[in-house]
Amino acid sequence: MSQRLCIQLLLGPYSVGFLNTMTHTIAAFRLPFCGSNIINHFFC
C-alpha cells in the first residue's frame, strides 16, 4: 500500500465516475422531451 498505489486507487474511482455519469447523462438529456415537465421526484 505505497503512496503511489493509494493515489491510483483514489484516481481510479474519480475517472470511472466521470466516464460513468458522462455516458448516461449526455445520452438522456439529448433525447426529445414531451409536453409534461413534471418530475415525480425531489431531485433529478
PDB file of all heavy atoms in Angstrom:
ATOM      1  N   MET A   1       0.848  -1.202   0.000  1.00  0.00           N
ATOM      2  CA  MET A   1       0.000   0.000   0.000  1.00  0.00           C
ATOM      3  C   MET A   1       0.884   1.252   0.000  1.00  0.00           C
ATOM      4  O   MET A   1       0.839   2.083   0.918  1.00  0.00           O
ATOM      5  CB  MET A   1      -0.933  -0.004   1.200  1.00  0.00           C
ATOM      6  CG  MET A   1      -1.956  -1.130   1.196  1.00  0.00           C
ATOM      7  SD  MET A   1      -3.009  -1.153  -0.280  1.00  0.00           S
ATOM      8  CE  MET A   1      -3.886   0.386  -0.111  1.00  0.00           C
ATOM      9  N   SER A   2       1.647   1.391  -1.038  1.00  0.00           N
ATOM     10  CA  SER A   2       2.533   2.546  -1.183  1.00  0.00           C
ATOM     11  C   SER A   2       1.721   3.796  -1.513  1.00  0.00           C
ATOM     12  O   SER A   2       0.529   3.720  -1.862  1.00  0.00           O
ATOM     13  CB  SER A   2       3.550   2.295  -2.289  1.00  0.00           C
ATOM     14  OG  SER A   2       2.892   2.109  -3.534  1.00  0.00           O
ATOM     15  N   GLN A   3       2.357   4.940  -1.414  1.00  0.00           N
ATOM     16  CA  GLN A   3       1.666   6.185  -1.727  1.00  0.00           C
ATOM     17  C   GLN A   3       1.190   6.198  -3.176  1.00  0.00           C
ATOM     18  O   GLN A   3       0.096   6.680  -3.481  1.00  0.00           O
ATOM     19  CB  GLN A   3       2.584   7.372  -1.463  1.00  0.00           C
ATOM     20  CG  GLN A   3       1.897   8.723  -1.656  1.00  0.00           C
ATOM     21  CD  GLN A   3       2.811   9.888  -1.352  1.00  0.00           C
ATOM     22  OE1 GLN A   3       4.018   9.730  -1.223  1.00  0.00           O
ATOM     23  NE2 GLN A   3       2.241  11.078  -1.238  1.00  0.00           N
ATOM     24  N   ARG A   4       2.008   5.627  -4.053  1.00  0.00           N
ATOM     25  CA  ARG A   4       1.651   5.588  -5.476  1.00  0.00           C
ATOM     26  C   ARG A   4       0.387   4.754  -5.702  1.00  0.00           C
ATOM     27  O   ARG A   4      -0.526   5.167  -6.431  1.00  0.00           O
ATOM     28  CB  ARG A   4       2.814   5.006  -6.274  1.00  0.00           C
ATOM     29  CG  ARG A   4       2.538   4.928  -7.769  1.00  0.00           C
ATOM     30  CD  ARG A   4       3.728   4.351  -8.511  1.00  0.00           C
ATOM     31  NE  ARG A   4       3.456   4.241  -9.936  1.00  0.00           N
ATOM     32  CZ  ARG A   4       4.307   3.729 -10.822  1.00  0.00           C
ATOM     33  NH1 ARG A   4       5.503   3.305 -10.422  1.00  0.00           N
ATOM     34  NH2 ARG A   4       3.979   3.660 -12.081  1.00  0.00           N
ATOM     35  N   LEU A   5       0.312   3.573  -5.053  1.00  0.00           N
ATOM     36  CA  LEU A   5      -0.859   2.719  -5.225  1.00  0.00           C
ATOM     37  C   LEU A   5      -2.102   3.378  -4.624  1.00  0.00           C
ATOM     38  O   LEU A   5      -3.192   3.298  -5.204  1.00  0.00           O
ATOM     39  CB  LEU A   5      -0.617   1.358  -4.568  1.00  0.00           C
ATOM     40  CG  LEU A   5      -1.787   0.358  -4.674  1.00  0.00           C
ATOM     41  CD1 LEU A   5      -2.109   0.062  -6.139  1.00  0.00           C
ATOM     42  CD2 LEU A   5      -1.472  -0.929  -3.925  1.00  0.00           C
ATOM     43  N   CYS A   6      -1.943   4.030  -3.485  1.00  0.00           N
ATOM     44  CA  CYS A   6      -3.085   4.717  -2.853  1.00  0.00           C
ATOM     45  C   CYS A   6      -3.651   5.795  -3.775  1.00  0.00           C
ATOM     46  O   CYS A   6      -4.882   5.932  -3.900  1.00  0.00           O
ATOM     47  CB  CYS A   6      -2.658   5.336  -1.522  1.00  0.00           C
ATOM     48  SG  CYS A   6      -2.365   4.131  -0.209  1.00  0.00           S
ATOM     49  N   ILE A   7      -2.767   6.545  -4.419  1.00  0.00           N
ATOM     50  CA  ILE A   7      -3.216   7.589  -5.350  1.00  0.00           C
ATOM     51  C   ILE A   7      -3.928   6.959  -6.550  1.00  0.00           C
ATOM     52  O   ILE A   7      -4.951   7.460  -7.022  1.00  0.00           O
ATOM     53  CB  ILE A   7      -2.029   8.465  -5.798  1.00  0.00           C
ATOM     54  CG1 ILE A   7      -1.520   9.282  -4.601  1.00  0.00           C
ATOM     55  CG2 ILE A   7      -2.437   9.396  -6.936  1.00  0.00           C
ATOM     56  CD1 ILE A   7      -0.259  10.047  -4.873  1.00  0.00           C
ATOM     57  N   GLN A   8      -3.395   5.828  -7.038  1.00  0.00           N
ATOM     58  CA  GLN A   8      -4.039   5.133  -8.150  1.00  0.00           C
ATOM     59  C   GLN A   8      -5.420   4.613  -7.762  1.00  0.00           C
ATOM     60  O   GLN A   8      -6.381   4.702  -8.546  1.00  0.00           O
ATOM     61  CB  GLN A   8      -3.155   3.972  -8.613  1.00  0.00           C
ATOM     62  CG  GLN A   8      -1.878   4.402  -9.316  1.00  0.00           C
ATOM     63  CD  GLN A   8      -0.950   3.243  -9.624  1.00  0.00           C
ATOM     64  OE1 GLN A   8      -1.093   2.146  -9.053  1.00  0.00           O
ATOM     65  NE2 GLN A   8       0.008   3.463 -10.509  1.00  0.00           N
ATOM     66  N   LEU A   9      -5.523   4.067  -6.540  1.00  0.00           N
ATOM     67  CA  LEU A   9      -6.811   3.560  -6.057  1.00  0.00           C
ATOM     68  C   LEU A   9      -7.797   4.684  -5.764  1.00  0.00           C
ATOM     69  O   LEU A   9      -8.996   4.446  -5.624  1.00  0.00           O
ATOM     70  CB  LEU A   9      -6.597   2.715  -4.788  1.00  0.00           C
ATOM     71  CG  LEU A   9      -5.904   1.372  -4.986  1.00  0.00           C
ATOM     72  CD1 LEU A   9      -5.617   0.716  -3.639  1.00  0.00           C
ATOM     73  CD2 LEU A   9      -6.742   0.441  -5.861  1.00  0.00           C
ATOM     74  N   LEU A  10      -7.291   5.906  -5.665  1.00  0.00           N
ATOM     75  CA  LEU A  10      -8.158   7.069  -5.492  1.00  0.00           C
ATOM     76  C   LEU A  10      -8.562   7.666  -6.835  1.00  0.00           C
ATOM     77  O   LEU A  10      -9.739   7.976  -7.065  1.00  0.00           O
ATOM     78  CB  LEU A  10      -7.446   8.132  -4.652  1.00  0.00           C
ATOM     79  CG  LEU A  10      -8.195   9.452  -4.455  1.00  0.00           C
ATOM     80  CD1 LEU A  10      -9.457   9.230  -3.641  1.00  0.00           C
ATOM     81  CD2 LEU A  10      -7.298  10.488  -3.800  1.00  0.00           C
ATOM     82  N   LEU A  11      -7.601   7.813  -7.750  1.00  0.00           N
ATOM     83  CA  LEU A  11      -7.889   8.407  -9.054  1.00  0.00           C
ATOM     84  C   LEU A  11      -8.762   7.494  -9.911  1.00  0.00           C
ATOM     85  O   LEU A  11      -9.548   7.980 -10.735  1.00  0.00           O
ATOM     86  CB  LEU A  11      -6.582   8.727  -9.787  1.00  0.00           C
ATOM     87  CG  LEU A  11      -5.714   9.830  -9.175  1.00  0.00           C
ATOM     88  CD1 LEU A  11      -4.453  10.033  -9.998  1.00  0.00           C
ATOM     89  CD2 LEU A  11      -6.494  11.139  -9.073  1.00  0.00           C
ATOM     90  N   GLY A  12      -8.634   6.179  -9.709  1.00  0.00           N
ATOM     91  CA  GLY A  12      -9.456   5.226 -10.456  1.00  0.00           C
ATOM     92  C   GLY A  12     -10.946   5.489 -10.287  1.00  0.00           C
ATOM     93  O   GLY A  12     -11.677   5.633 -11.282  1.00  0.00           O
ATOM     94  N   PRO A  13     -11.462   5.561  -9.050  1.00  0.00           N
ATOM     95  CA  PRO A  13     -12.878   5.870  -8.851  1.00  0.00           C
ATOM     96  C   PRO A  13     -13.317   7.195  -9.457  1.00  0.00           C
ATOM     97  O   PRO A  13     -14.415   7.292 -10.022  1.00  0.00           O
ATOM     98  CB  PRO A  13     -13.002   5.901  -7.321  1.00  0.00           C
ATOM     99  CG  PRO A  13     -11.952   4.964  -6.841  1.00  0.00           C
ATOM    100  CD  PRO A  13     -10.807   5.143  -7.787  1.00  0.00           C
ATOM    101  N   TYR A  14     -12.476   8.228  -9.374  1.00  0.00           N
ATOM    102  CA  TYR A  14     -12.841   9.521  -9.958  1.00  0.00           C
ATOM    103  C   TYR A  14     -12.938   9.415 -11.485  1.00  0.00           C
ATOM    104  O   TYR A  14     -13.840   9.997 -12.094  1.00  0.00           O
ATOM    105  CB  TYR A  14     -11.829  10.590  -9.564  1.00  0.00           C
ATOM    106  CG  TYR A  14     -12.071  11.191  -8.207  1.00  0.00           C
ATOM    107  CD1 TYR A  14     -11.549  10.612  -7.064  1.00  0.00           C
ATOM    108  CD2 TYR A  14     -12.848  12.333  -8.056  1.00  0.00           C
ATOM    109  CE1 TYR A  14     -11.791  11.146  -5.802  1.00  0.00           C
ATOM    110  CE2 TYR A  14     -13.100  12.882  -6.802  1.00  0.00           C
ATOM    111  CZ  TYR A  14     -12.561  12.279  -5.686  1.00  0.00           C
ATOM    112  OH  TYR A  14     -12.809  12.812  -4.435  1.00  0.00           O
ATOM    113  N   SER A  15     -12.009   8.682 -12.089  1.00  0.00           N
ATOM    114  CA  SER A  15     -12.016   8.533 -13.555  1.00  0.00           C
ATOM    115  C   SER A  15     -13.224   7.735 -14.020  1.00  0.00           C
ATOM    116  O   SER A  15     -13.927   8.128 -14.968  1.00  0.00           O
ATOM    117  CB  SER A  15     -10.728   7.835 -14.017  1.00  0.00           C
ATOM    118  OG  SER A  15      -9.587   8.564 -13.610  1.00  0.00           O
ATOM    119  N   VAL A  16     -13.474   6.611 -13.363  1.00  0.00           N
ATOM    120  CA  VAL A  16     -14.620   5.776 -13.736  1.00  0.00           C
ATOM    121  C   VAL A  16     -15.931   6.519 -13.480  1.00  0.00           C
ATOM    122  O   VAL A  16     -16.868   6.447 -14.275  1.00  0.00           O
ATOM    123  CB  VAL A  16     -14.597   4.443 -12.961  1.00  0.00           C
ATOM    124  CG1 VAL A  16     -15.863   3.641 -13.230  1.00  0.00           C
ATOM    125  CG2 VAL A  16     -13.365   3.633 -13.354  1.00  0.00           C
ATOM    126  N   GLY A  17     -15.998   7.249 -12.353  1.00  0.00           N
ATOM    127  CA  GLY A  17     -17.196   8.023 -12.047  1.00  0.00           C
ATOM    128  C   GLY A  17     -17.482   9.063 -13.114  1.00  0.00           C
ATOM    129  O   GLY A  17     -18.638   9.273 -13.500  1.00  0.00           O
ATOM    130  N   PHE A  18     -16.425   9.709 -13.606  1.00  0.00           N
ATOM    131  CA  PHE A  18     -16.578  10.718 -14.655  1.00  0.00           C
ATOM    132  C   PHE A  18     -17.124  10.084 -15.938  1.00  0.00           C
ATOM    133  O   PHE A  18     -18.085  10.576 -16.537  1.00  0.00           O
ATOM    134  CB  PHE A  18     -15.227  11.381 -14.924  1.00  0.00           C
ATOM    135  CG  PHE A  18     -15.252  12.387 -16.035  1.00  0.00           C
ATOM    136  CD1 PHE A  18     -15.693  13.686 -15.811  1.00  0.00           C
ATOM    137  CD2 PHE A  18     -14.839  12.035 -17.316  1.00  0.00           C
ATOM    138  CE1 PHE A  18     -15.730  14.615 -16.837  1.00  0.00           C
ATOM    139  CE2 PHE A  18     -14.863  12.959 -18.351  1.00  0.00           C
ATOM    140  CZ  PHE A  18     -15.309  14.255 -18.102  1.00  0.00           C
ATOM    141  N   LEU A  19     -16.519   8.974 -16.367  1.00  0.00           N
ATOM    142  CA  LEU A  19     -16.958   8.306 -17.596  1.00  0.00           C
ATOM    143  C   LEU A  19     -18.366   7.741 -17.435  1.00  0.00           C
ATOM    144  O   LEU A  19     -19.178   7.807 -18.368  1.00  0.00           O
ATOM    145  CB  LEU A  19     -15.976   7.177 -17.942  1.00  0.00           C
ATOM    146  CG  LEU A  19     -14.565   7.614 -18.333  1.00  0.00           C
ATOM    147  CD1 LEU A  19     -13.659   6.399 -18.506  1.00  0.00           C
ATOM    148  CD2 LEU A  19     -14.584   8.439 -19.615  1.00  0.00           C
ATOM    149  N   ASN A  20     -18.661   7.216 -16.260  1.00  0.00           N
ATOM    150  CA  ASN A  20     -19.968   6.630 -15.982  1.00  0.00           C
ATOM    151  C   ASN A  20     -21.083   7.661 -16.133  1.00  0.00           C
ATOM    152  O   ASN A  20     -22.059   7.460 -16.865  1.00  0.00           O
ATOM    153  CB  ASN A  20     -19.968   6.051 -14.560  1.00  0.00           C
ATOM    154  CG  ASN A  20     -21.363   5.728 -14.066  1.00  0.00           C
ATOM    155  OD1 ASN A  20     -22.034   4.851 -14.573  1.00  0.00           O
ATOM    156  ND2 ASN A  20     -21.813   6.463 -13.045  1.00  0.00           N
ATOM    157  N   THR A  21     -20.927   8.779 -15.469  1.00  0.00           N
ATOM    158  CA  THR A  21     -22.008   9.781 -15.479  1.00  0.00           C
ATOM    159  C   THR A  21     -22.067  10.541 -16.805  1.00  0.00           C
ATOM    160  O   THR A  21     -23.150  10.930 -17.245  1.00  0.00           O
ATOM    161  CB  THR A  21     -21.838  10.752 -14.292  1.00  0.00           C
ATOM    162  OG1 THR A  21     -23.030  11.513 -14.120  1.00  0.00           O
ATOM    163  CG2 THR A  21     -20.662  11.696 -14.491  1.00  0.00           C
ATOM    164  N   MET A  22     -20.928  10.725 -17.467  1.00  0.00           N
ATOM    165  CA  MET A  22     -20.936  11.380 -18.777  1.00  0.00           C
ATOM    166  C   MET A  22     -21.735  10.556 -19.785  1.00  0.00           C
ATOM    167  O   MET A  22     -22.496  11.098 -20.589  1.00  0.00           O
ATOM    168  CB  MET A  22     -19.504  11.565 -19.287  1.00  0.00           C
ATOM    169  CG  MET A  22     -18.764  12.727 -18.674  1.00  0.00           C
ATOM    170  SD  MET A  22     -19.431  14.344 -19.136  1.00  0.00           S
ATOM    171  CE  MET A  22     -18.910  14.441 -20.833  1.00  0.00           C
ATOM    172  N   THR A  23     -21.590   9.238 -19.703  1.00  0.00           N
ATOM    173  CA  THR A  23     -22.219   8.353 -20.681  1.00  0.00           C
ATOM    174  C   THR A  23     -23.735   8.454 -20.640  1.00  0.00           C
ATOM    175  O   THR A  23     -24.379   8.788 -21.642  1.00  0.00           O
ATOM    176  CB  THR A  23     -21.789   6.893 -20.428  1.00  0.00           C
ATOM    177  OG1 THR A  23     -20.364   6.800 -20.497  1.00  0.00           O
ATOM    178  CG2 THR A  23     -22.411   5.966 -21.453  1.00  0.00           C
ATOM    179  N   HIS A  24     -24.330   8.163 -19.477  1.00  0.00           N
ATOM    180  CA  HIS A  24     -25.794   8.107 -19.475  1.00  0.00           C
ATOM    181  C   HIS A  24     -26.463   9.470 -19.291  1.00  0.00           C
ATOM    182  O   HIS A  24     -27.623   9.642 -19.688  1.00  0.00           O
ATOM    183  CB  HIS A  24     -26.317   7.089 -18.451  1.00  0.00           C
ATOM    184  CG  HIS A  24     -25.914   7.358 -17.035  1.00  0.00           C
ATOM    185  ND1 HIS A  24     -26.426   8.377 -16.295  1.00  0.00           N
ATOM    186  CD2 HIS A  24     -25.057   6.700 -16.214  1.00  0.00           C
ATOM    187  CE1 HIS A  24     -25.925   8.334 -15.078  1.00  0.00           C
ATOM    188  NE2 HIS A  24     -25.077   7.347 -14.990  1.00  0.00           N
ATOM    189  N   THR A  25     -25.747  10.465 -18.729  1.00  0.00           N
ATOM    190  CA  THR A  25     -26.364  11.790 -18.596  1.00  0.00           C
ATOM    191  C   THR A  25     -26.496  12.463 -19.964  1.00  0.00           C
ATOM    192  O   THR A  25     -27.554  13.005 -20.307  1.00  0.00           O
ATOM    193  CB  THR A  25     -25.540  12.685 -17.654  1.00  0.00           C
ATOM    194  OG1 THR A  25     -25.465  12.070 -16.362  1.00  0.00           O
ATOM    195  CG2 THR A  25     -26.177  14.063 -17.502  1.00  0.00           C
ATOM    196  N   ILE A  26     -25.425  12.445 -20.753  1.00  0.00           N
ATOM    197  CA  ILE A  26     -25.476  13.044 -22.096  1.00  0.00           C
ATOM    198  C   ILE A  26     -26.484  12.308 -22.971  1.00  0.00           C
ATOM    199  O   ILE A  26     -27.274  12.921 -23.698  1.00  0.00           O
ATOM    200  CB  ILE A  26     -24.078  13.030 -22.747  1.00  0.00           C
ATOM    201  CG1 ILE A  26     -23.157  14.015 -22.021  1.00  0.00           C
ATOM    202  CG2 ILE A  26     -24.166  13.390 -24.225  1.00  0.00           C
ATOM    203  CD1 ILE A  26     -21.734  14.028 -22.530  1.00  0.00           C
ATOM    204  N   ALA A  27     -26.479  10.978 -22.871  1.00  0.00           N
ATOM    205  CA  ALA A  27     -27.419  10.185 -23.682  1.00  0.00           C
ATOM    206  C   ALA A  27     -28.867  10.517 -23.335  1.00  0.00           C
ATOM    207  O   ALA A  27     -29.732  10.574 -24.219  1.00  0.00           O
ATOM    208  CB  ALA A  27     -27.149   8.695 -23.469  1.00  0.00           C
ATOM    209  N   ALA A  28     -29.153  10.776 -22.060  1.00  0.00           N
ATOM    210  CA  ALA A  28     -30.529  11.047 -21.635  1.00  0.00           C
ATOM    211  C   ALA A  28     -30.983  12.448 -22.011  1.00  0.00           C
ATOM    212  O   ALA A  28     -32.092  12.636 -22.526  1.00  0.00           O
ATOM    213  CB  ALA A  28     -30.656  10.847 -20.126  1.00  0.00           C
ATOM    214  N   PHE A  29     -30.142  13.447 -21.799  1.00  0.00           N
ATOM    215  CA  PHE A  29     -30.574  14.836 -21.989  1.00  0.00           C
ATOM    216  C   PHE A  29     -30.503  15.286 -23.453  1.00  0.00           C
ATOM    217  O   PHE A  29     -30.876  16.420 -23.754  1.00  0.00           O
ATOM    218  CB  PHE A  29     -29.770  15.766 -21.083  1.00  0.00           C
ATOM    219  CG  PHE A  29     -30.253  15.765 -19.662  1.00  0.00           C
ATOM    220  CD1 PHE A  29     -29.757  14.844 -18.762  1.00  0.00           C
ATOM    221  CD2 PHE A  29     -31.235  16.637 -19.239  1.00  0.00           C
ATOM    222  CE1 PHE A  29     -30.211  14.811 -17.445  1.00  0.00           C
ATOM    223  CE2 PHE A  29     -31.704  16.619 -17.940  1.00  0.00           C
ATOM    224  CZ  PHE A  29     -31.189  15.701 -17.036  1.00  0.00           C
ATOM    225  N   ARG A  30     -30.063  14.417 -24.348  1.00  0.00           N
ATOM    226  CA  ARG A  30     -30.127  14.724 -25.780  1.00  0.00           C
ATOM    227  C   ARG A  30     -31.424  14.210 -26.392  1.00  0.00           C
ATOM    228  O   ARG A  30     -31.720  14.488 -27.550  1.00  0.00           O
ATOM    229  CB  ARG A  30     -28.931  14.099 -26.497  1.00  0.00           C
ATOM    230  CG  ARG A  30     -27.598  14.737 -26.132  1.00  0.00           C
ATOM    231  CD  ARG A  30     -26.463  14.133 -26.902  1.00  0.00           C
ATOM    232  NE  ARG A  30     -26.561  14.407 -28.334  1.00  0.00           N
ATOM    233  CZ  ARG A  30     -25.712  13.941 -29.247  1.00  0.00           C
ATOM    234  NH1 ARG A  30     -24.695  13.172 -28.879  1.00  0.00           N
ATOM    235  NH2 ARG A  30     -25.868  14.228 -30.508  1.00  0.00           N
ATOM    236  N   LEU A  31     -32.216  13.477 -25.610  1.00  0.00           N
ATOM    237  CA  LEU A  31     -33.466  12.925 -26.121  1.00  0.00           C
ATOM    238  C   LEU A  31     -34.562  13.999 -26.142  1.00  0.00           C
ATOM    239  O   LEU A  31     -34.495  14.968 -25.387  1.00  0.00           O
ATOM    240  CB  LEU A  31     -33.913  11.756 -25.239  1.00  0.00           C
ATOM    241  CG  LEU A  31     -33.040  10.498 -25.285  1.00  0.00           C
ATOM    242  CD1 LEU A  31     -33.469   9.528 -24.197  1.00  0.00           C
ATOM    243  CD2 LEU A  31     -33.116   9.828 -26.655  1.00  0.00           C
ATOM    244  N   PRO A  32     -35.586  13.834 -26.978  1.00  0.00           N
ATOM    245  CA  PRO A  32     -36.717  14.789 -27.003  1.00  0.00           C
ATOM    246  C   PRO A  32     -37.656  14.546 -25.829  1.00  0.00           C
ATOM    247  O   PRO A  32     -38.020  13.408 -25.534  1.00  0.00           O
ATOM    248  CB  PRO A  32     -37.412  14.466 -28.330  1.00  0.00           C
ATOM    249  CG  PRO A  32     -37.084  13.036 -28.591  1.00  0.00           C
ATOM    250  CD  PRO A  32     -35.705  12.812 -28.047  1.00  0.00           C
ATOM    251  N   PHE A  33     -38.038  15.628 -25.139  1.00  0.00           N
ATOM    252  CA  PHE A  33     -38.973  15.527 -24.018  1.00  0.00           C
ATOM    253  C   PHE A  33     -40.370  15.941 -24.480  1.00  0.00           C
ATOM    254  O   PHE A  33     -40.528  16.864 -25.273  1.00  0.00           O
ATOM    255  CB  PHE A  33     -38.513  16.417 -22.857  1.00  0.00           C
ATOM    256  CG  PHE A  33     -37.298  15.885 -22.155  1.00  0.00           C
ATOM    257  CD1 PHE A  33     -36.025  16.210 -22.603  1.00  0.00           C
ATOM    258  CD2 PHE A  33     -37.425  15.053 -21.058  1.00  0.00           C
ATOM    259  CE1 PHE A  33     -34.897  15.714 -21.965  1.00  0.00           C
ATOM    260  CE2 PHE A  33     -36.310  14.550 -20.412  1.00  0.00           C
ATOM    261  CZ  PHE A  33     -35.044  14.882 -20.859  1.00  0.00           C
ATOM    262  N   CYS A  34     -41.375  15.265 -23.932  1.00  0.00           N
ATOM    263  CA  CYS A  34     -42.765  15.573 -24.293  1.00  0.00           C
ATOM    264  C   CYS A  34     -43.229  16.832 -23.566  1.00  0.00           C
ATOM    265  O   CYS A  34     -42.469  17.475 -22.860  1.00  0.00           O
ATOM    266  CB  CYS A  34     -43.660  14.389 -23.940  1.00  0.00           C
ATOM    267  SG  CYS A  34     -43.179  12.861 -24.776  1.00  0.00           S
ATOM    268  N   GLY A  35     -44.506  17.160 -23.729  1.00  0.00           N
ATOM    269  CA  GLY A  35     -45.030  18.387 -23.152  1.00  0.00           C
ATOM    270  C   GLY A  35     -44.909  18.479 -21.642  1.00  0.00           C
ATOM    271  O   GLY A  35     -44.682  19.550 -21.096  1.00  0.00           O
ATOM    272  N   SER A  36     -45.080  17.374 -20.945  1.00  0.00           N
ATOM    273  CA  SER A  36     -45.009  17.393 -19.482  1.00  0.00           C
ATOM    274  C   SER A  36     -43.575  17.617 -19.019  1.00  0.00           C
ATOM    275  O   SER A  36     -42.628  17.030 -19.544  1.00  0.00           O
ATOM    276  CB  SER A  36     -45.530  16.074 -18.907  1.00  0.00           C
ATOM    277  OG  SER A  36     -45.372  16.047 -17.510  1.00  0.00           O
ATOM    278  N   ASN A  37     -43.416  18.495 -18.035  1.00  0.00           N
ATOM    279  CA  ASN A  37     -42.095  18.746 -17.459  1.00  0.00           C
ATOM    280  C   ASN A  37     -42.078  18.459 -15.961  1.00  0.00           C
ATOM    281  O   ASN A  37     -41.237  18.959 -15.230  1.00  0.00           O
ATOM    282  CB  ASN A  37     -41.670  20.191 -17.714  1.00  0.00           C
ATOM    283  CG  ASN A  37     -42.565  21.189 -17.001  1.00  0.00           C
ATOM    284  OD1 ASN A  37     -43.698  20.870 -16.642  1.00  0.00           O
ATOM    285  ND2 ASN A  37     -42.055  22.391 -16.789  1.00  0.00           N
ATOM    286  N   ILE A  38     -43.047  17.656 -15.498  1.00  0.00           N
ATOM    287  CA  ILE A  38     -43.168  17.350 -14.068  1.00  0.00           C
ATOM    288  C   ILE A  38     -42.386  16.071 -13.749  1.00  0.00           C
ATOM    289  O   ILE A  38     -42.685  14.992 -14.286  1.00  0.00           O
ATOM    290  CB  ILE A  38     -44.646  17.190 -13.665  1.00  0.00           C
ATOM    291  CG1 ILE A  38     -45.392  18.504 -13.914  1.00  0.00           C
ATOM    292  CG2 ILE A  38     -44.774  16.781 -12.208  1.00  0.00           C
ATOM    293  CD1 ILE A  38     -46.885  18.417 -13.682  1.00  0.00           C
ATOM    294  N   ILE A  39     -41.399  16.201 -12.883  1.00  0.00           N
ATOM    295  CA  ILE A  39     -40.575  15.064 -12.464  1.00  0.00           C
ATOM    296  C   ILE A  39     -41.123  14.516 -11.157  1.00  0.00           C
ATOM    297  O   ILE A  39     -41.216  15.231 -10.150  1.00  0.00           O
ATOM    298  CB  ILE A  39     -39.100  15.487 -12.277  1.00  0.00           C
ATOM    299  CG1 ILE A  39     -38.503  15.921 -13.617  1.00  0.00           C
ATOM    300  CG2 ILE A  39     -38.290  14.346 -11.683  1.00  0.00           C
ATOM    301  CD1 ILE A  39     -37.060  16.387 -13.513  1.00  0.00           C
ATOM    302  N   ASN A  40     -41.497  13.250 -11.167  1.00  0.00           N
ATOM    303  CA  ASN A  40     -42.050  12.606  -9.975  1.00  0.00           C
ATOM    304  C   ASN A  40     -40.919  12.203  -9.024  1.00  0.00           C
ATOM    305  O   ASN A  40     -40.631  11.030  -8.807  1.00  0.00           O
ATOM    306  CB  ASN A  40     -42.872  11.377 -10.386  1.00  0.00           C
ATOM    307  CG  ASN A  40     -43.555  10.733  -9.192  1.00  0.00           C
ATOM    308  OD1 ASN A  40     -43.719  11.346  -8.143  1.00  0.00           O
ATOM    309  ND2 ASN A  40     -43.940   9.478  -9.351  1.00  0.00           N
ATOM    310  N   HIS A  41     -40.279  13.232  -8.470  1.00  0.00           N
ATOM    311  CA  HIS A  41     -39.161  13.001  -7.550  1.00  0.00           C
ATOM    312  C   HIS A  41     -38.847  14.319  -6.852  1.00  0.00           C
ATOM    313  O   HIS A  41     -39.476  15.342  -7.126  1.00  0.00           O
ATOM    314  CB  HIS A  41     -37.930  12.506  -8.314  1.00  0.00           C
ATOM    315  CG  HIS A  41     -37.132  11.465  -7.573  1.00  0.00           C
ATOM    316  ND1 HIS A  41     -36.681  11.663  -6.286  1.00  0.00           N
ATOM    317  CD2 HIS A  41     -36.698  10.228  -7.933  1.00  0.00           C
ATOM    318  CE1 HIS A  41     -36.013  10.593  -5.887  1.00  0.00           C
ATOM    319  NE2 HIS A  41     -36.010   9.700  -6.866  1.00  0.00           N
ATOM    320  N   PHE A  42     -37.857  14.288  -5.933  1.00  0.00           N
ATOM    321  CA  PHE A  42     -37.436  15.531  -5.293  1.00  0.00           C
ATOM    322  C   PHE A  42     -36.066  15.982  -5.794  1.00  0.00           C
ATOM    323  O   PHE A  42     -35.526  16.979  -5.339  1.00  0.00           O
ATOM    324  CB  PHE A  42     -37.419  15.389  -3.763  1.00  0.00           C
ATOM    325  CG  PHE A  42     -36.524  14.281  -3.245  1.00  0.00           C
ATOM    326  CD1 PHE A  42     -35.197  14.529  -2.933  1.00  0.00           C
ATOM    327  CD2 PHE A  42     -37.028  13.002  -3.058  1.00  0.00           C
ATOM    328  CE1 PHE A  42     -34.381  13.529  -2.449  1.00  0.00           C
ATOM    329  CE2 PHE A  42     -36.215  11.989  -2.575  1.00  0.00           C
ATOM    330  CZ  PHE A  42     -34.891  12.250  -2.274  1.00  0.00           C
ATOM    331  N   PHE A  43     -35.480  15.230  -6.748  1.00  0.00           N
ATOM    332  CA  PHE A  43     -34.264  15.649  -7.432  1.00  0.00           C
ATOM    333  C   PHE A  43     -34.218  14.970  -8.790  1.00  0.00           C
ATOM    334  O   PHE A  43     -35.064  14.122  -9.106  1.00  0.00           O
ATOM    335  CB  PHE A  43     -33.011  15.340  -6.599  1.00  0.00           C
ATOM    336  CG  PHE A  43     -32.630  13.873  -6.560  1.00  0.00           C
ATOM    337  CD1 PHE A  43     -31.643  13.373  -7.392  1.00  0.00           C
ATOM    338  CD2 PHE A  43     -33.256  13.000  -5.673  1.00  0.00           C
ATOM    339  CE1 PHE A  43     -31.292  12.041  -7.344  1.00  0.00           C
ATOM    340  CE2 PHE A  43     -32.903  11.668  -5.621  1.00  0.00           C
ATOM    341  CZ  PHE A  43     -31.917  11.184  -6.462  1.00  0.00           C
ATOM    342  N   CYS A  44     -33.238  15.352  -9.608  1.00  0.00           N
ATOM    343  CA  CYS A  44     -33.165  14.845 -10.985  1.00  0.00           C
ATOM    344  C   CYS A  44     -32.472  13.487 -11.041  1.00  0.00           C
ATOM    345  O   CYS A  44     -31.278  13.387 -11.351  1.00  0.00           O
ATOM    346  CB  CYS A  44     -32.432  15.857 -11.873  1.00  0.00           C
ATOM    347  SG  CYS A  44     -33.375  17.356 -12.171  1.00  0.00           S
TER     348      CYS A  44
END
